[in-house]
C-alpha atoms as a PDB file:
ATOM      1  CA  MET A   1     -15.629  16.827  -8.817  1.00  0.00           C
ATOM      2  CA  LYS A   2     -12.096  16.358  -7.608  1.00  0.00           C
ATOM      3  CA  THR A   3     -10.024  13.625  -9.203  1.00  0.00           C
ATOM      4  CA  LEU A   4      -7.219  11.762  -7.478  1.00  0.00           C
ATOM      5  CA  PHE A   5      -4.653   9.914  -9.594  1.00  0.00           C
ATOM      6  CA  LEU A   6      -2.579   7.288  -7.791  1.00  0.00           C
ATOM      7  CA  GLU A   7       0.603   6.160  -9.482  1.00  0.00           C
ATOM      8  CA  SER A   8       1.215   2.446  -9.611  1.00  0.00           C
ATOM      9  CA  ARG A   9       4.593   1.324 -10.949  1.00  0.00           C
ATOM     10  CA  TYR A  10       5.415  -1.995 -12.573  1.00  0.00           C
ATOM     11  CA  ASN A  11       8.259  -3.614 -10.655  1.00  0.00           C
ATOM     12  CA  GLY A  12       8.866  -6.598 -12.907  1.00  0.00           C
ATOM     13  CA  LYS A  13      11.396  -6.925 -15.694  1.00  0.00           C
ATOM     14  CA  ILE A  14      11.179  -6.073 -19.373  1.00  0.00           C
ATOM     15  CA  ASP A  15      12.161  -8.919 -21.702  1.00  0.00           C
ATOM     16  CA  PHE A  16      14.088  -7.486 -24.638  1.00  0.00           C
ATOM     17  CA  ASN A  17      14.617 -10.922 -26.214  1.00  0.00           C
ATOM     18  CA  ASN A  18      11.249 -10.908 -27.994  1.00  0.00           C
ATOM     19  CA  ILE A  19      11.831  -7.649 -29.866  1.00  0.00           C
ATOM     20  CA  GLU A  20      12.361  -8.152 -33.594  1.00  0.00           C
ATOM     21  CA  ILE A  21      14.720  -5.244 -34.195  1.00  0.00           C
ATOM     22  CA  SER A  22      14.757  -5.720 -37.966  1.00  0.00           C
ATOM     23  CA  LYS A  23      11.005  -5.000 -38.114  1.00  0.00           C
ATOM     24  CA  LEU A  24      11.303  -1.685 -36.283  1.00  0.00           C
ATOM     25  CA  PRO A  25      11.704   1.631 -38.088  1.00  0.00           C
ATOM     26  CA  GLU A  26      14.889   3.660 -37.730  1.00  0.00           C
ATOM     27  CA  ARG A  27      13.244   6.524 -35.773  1.00  0.00           C
ATOM     28  CA  ILE A  28      11.071   5.483 -32.862  1.00  0.00           C
ATOM     29  CA  GLY A  29       9.037   7.606 -30.461  1.00  0.00           C
ATOM     30  CA  LEU A  30       8.621   6.080 -27.016  1.00  0.00           C
ATOM     31  CA  ILE A  31       5.551   6.697 -24.902  1.00  0.00           C
ATOM     32  CA  THR A  32       4.012   4.773 -22.033  1.00  0.00           C
ATOM     33  CA  THR A  33       1.643   4.898 -19.133  1.00  0.00           C
ATOM     34  CA  VAL A  34       2.944   5.803 -15.686  1.00  0.00           C
ATOM     35  CA  GLN A  35       3.343   2.107 -14.823  1.00  0.00           C
ATOM     36  CA  PHE A  36       6.347   1.852 -17.150  1.00  0.00           C
ATOM     37  CA  VAL A  37       7.939   5.333 -17.169  1.00  0.00           C
ATOM     38  CA  ASP A  38      10.843   4.021 -15.100  1.00  0.00           C
ATOM     39  CA  PHE A  39      11.749   1.700 -17.986  1.00  0.00           C
ATOM     40  CA  LEU A  40      11.945   4.328 -20.727  1.00  0.00           C
ATOM     41  CA  ASP A  41      15.656   4.997 -20.227  1.00  0.00           C
ATOM     42  CA  SER A  42      16.592   1.302 -20.391  1.00  0.00           C
ATOM     43  CA  ILE A  43      14.395   0.774 -23.465  1.00  0.00           C
ATOM     44  CA  LYS A  44      15.938   3.826 -25.107  1.00  0.00           C
ATOM     45  CA  LYS A  45      19.457   2.591 -24.331  1.00  0.00           C
ATOM     46  CA  PHE A  46      18.670  -0.881 -25.688  1.00  0.00           C
ATOM     47  CA  LEU A  47      17.228   0.461 -28.940  1.00  0.00           C
ATOM     48  CA  THR A  48      19.946   3.092 -29.361  1.00  0.00           C
ATOM     49  CA  ASN A  49      22.532   0.307 -29.095  1.00  0.00           C
ATOM     50  CA  LYS A  50      20.666  -1.367 -31.970  1.00  0.00           C
ATOM     51  CA  ASN A  51      21.167   1.752 -34.139  1.00  0.00           C
ATOM     52  CA  LYS A  52      17.659   3.133 -33.646  1.00  0.00           C
ATOM     53  CA  LYS A  53      16.974   6.860 -33.182  1.00  0.00           C
ATOM     54  CA  ILE A  54      14.789   7.226 -30.093  1.00  0.00           C
ATOM     55  CA  ILE A  55      12.655  10.237 -29.207  1.00  0.00           C
ATOM     56  CA  ILE A  56      10.864  10.659 -25.886  1.00  0.00           C
ATOM     57  CA  GLY A  57       8.583  13.671 -25.740  1.00  0.00           C
ATOM     58  CA  LYS A  58       7.147  15.628 -22.848  1.00  0.00           C
ATOM     59  CA  GLY A  59       3.516  16.619 -22.800  1.00  0.00           C
ATOM     60  CA  LYS A  60       1.152  17.835 -20.098  1.00  0.00           C
ATOM     61  CA  GLN A  61       1.818  14.843 -17.875  1.00  0.00           C
ATOM     62  CA  SER A  62       4.343  14.676 -15.026  1.00  0.00           C
ATOM     63  CA  TYR A  63       6.975  12.535 -16.713  1.00  0.00           C
ATOM     64  CA  GLU A  64       8.730  12.434 -20.049  1.00  0.00           C
ATOM     65  CA  GLY A  65       7.057   9.957 -22.365  1.00  0.00           C
ATOM     66  CA  GLN A  66       4.006   9.583 -20.139  1.00  0.00           C
ATOM     67  CA  ILE A  67       0.547   9.375 -21.634  1.00  0.00           C
ATOM     68  CA  LEU A  68      -2.730   9.431 -19.769  1.00  0.00           C
ATOM     69  CA  GLY A  69      -5.673   8.098 -21.682  1.00  0.00           C
ATOM     70  CA  CYS A  70      -8.191   9.101 -19.061  1.00  0.00           C
ATOM     71  CA  ASP A  71     -11.249  11.043 -20.165  1.00  0.00           C
ATOM     72  CA  SER A  72     -13.582  11.787 -17.258  1.00  0.00           C
ATOM     73  CA  SER A  73     -16.124  13.821 -19.264  1.00  0.00           C
ATOM     74  CA  SER A  74     -18.876  11.228 -18.852  1.00  0.00           C
ATOM     75  CA  ALA A  75     -18.420  11.459 -15.070  1.00  0.00           C
ATOM     76  CA  GLU A  76     -18.298  15.263 -15.194  1.00  0.00           C
ATOM     77  CA  ASN A  77     -21.647  15.344 -16.989  1.00  0.00           C
ATOM     78  CA  ILE A  78     -23.411  13.534 -14.140  1.00  0.00           C
ATOM     79  CA  LYS A  79     -21.402  14.656 -11.091  1.00  0.00           C
ATOM     80  CA  ASN A  80     -24.246  16.787  -9.724  1.00  0.00           C
ATOM     81  CA  LYS A  81     -26.745  13.940 -10.100  1.00  0.00           C
ATOM     82  CA  VAL A  82     -24.929  11.279  -8.094  1.00  0.00           C
ATOM     83  CA  SER A  83     -23.133  10.805  -4.779  1.00  0.00           C
ATOM     84  CA  SER A  84     -20.456   8.469  -6.116  1.00  0.00           C
ATOM     85  CA  ILE A  85     -19.074   7.201  -9.392  1.00  0.00           C
ATOM     86  CA  ASP A  86     -17.644   3.714  -9.735  1.00  0.00           C
ATOM     87  CA  CYS A  87     -15.245   3.050 -12.586  1.00  0.00           C
ATOM     88  CA  ARG A  88     -13.976  -0.492 -13.095  1.00  0.00           C
ATOM     89  CA  ARG A  89     -11.519  -1.660 -15.692  1.00  0.00           C
END
């Protein structure tokens, strides 16, 4: 079964005013879904300016800091028994 992933980006704004900096640890790893990868640099800059050490890793996904929590194994197990699979979230 072929899988097609369509990127959908958040185009709103991130409100930094609600972040309680004093409750955050000194070293912070940033990860996100593809919707927010465009914000990682601004979040990193904001936190770095607040004396936090920020780390953004790179895994198997296309972008630094991107995670993909998609497990299609349940669909794979039935792909030869159906004509279509509907996944709603």
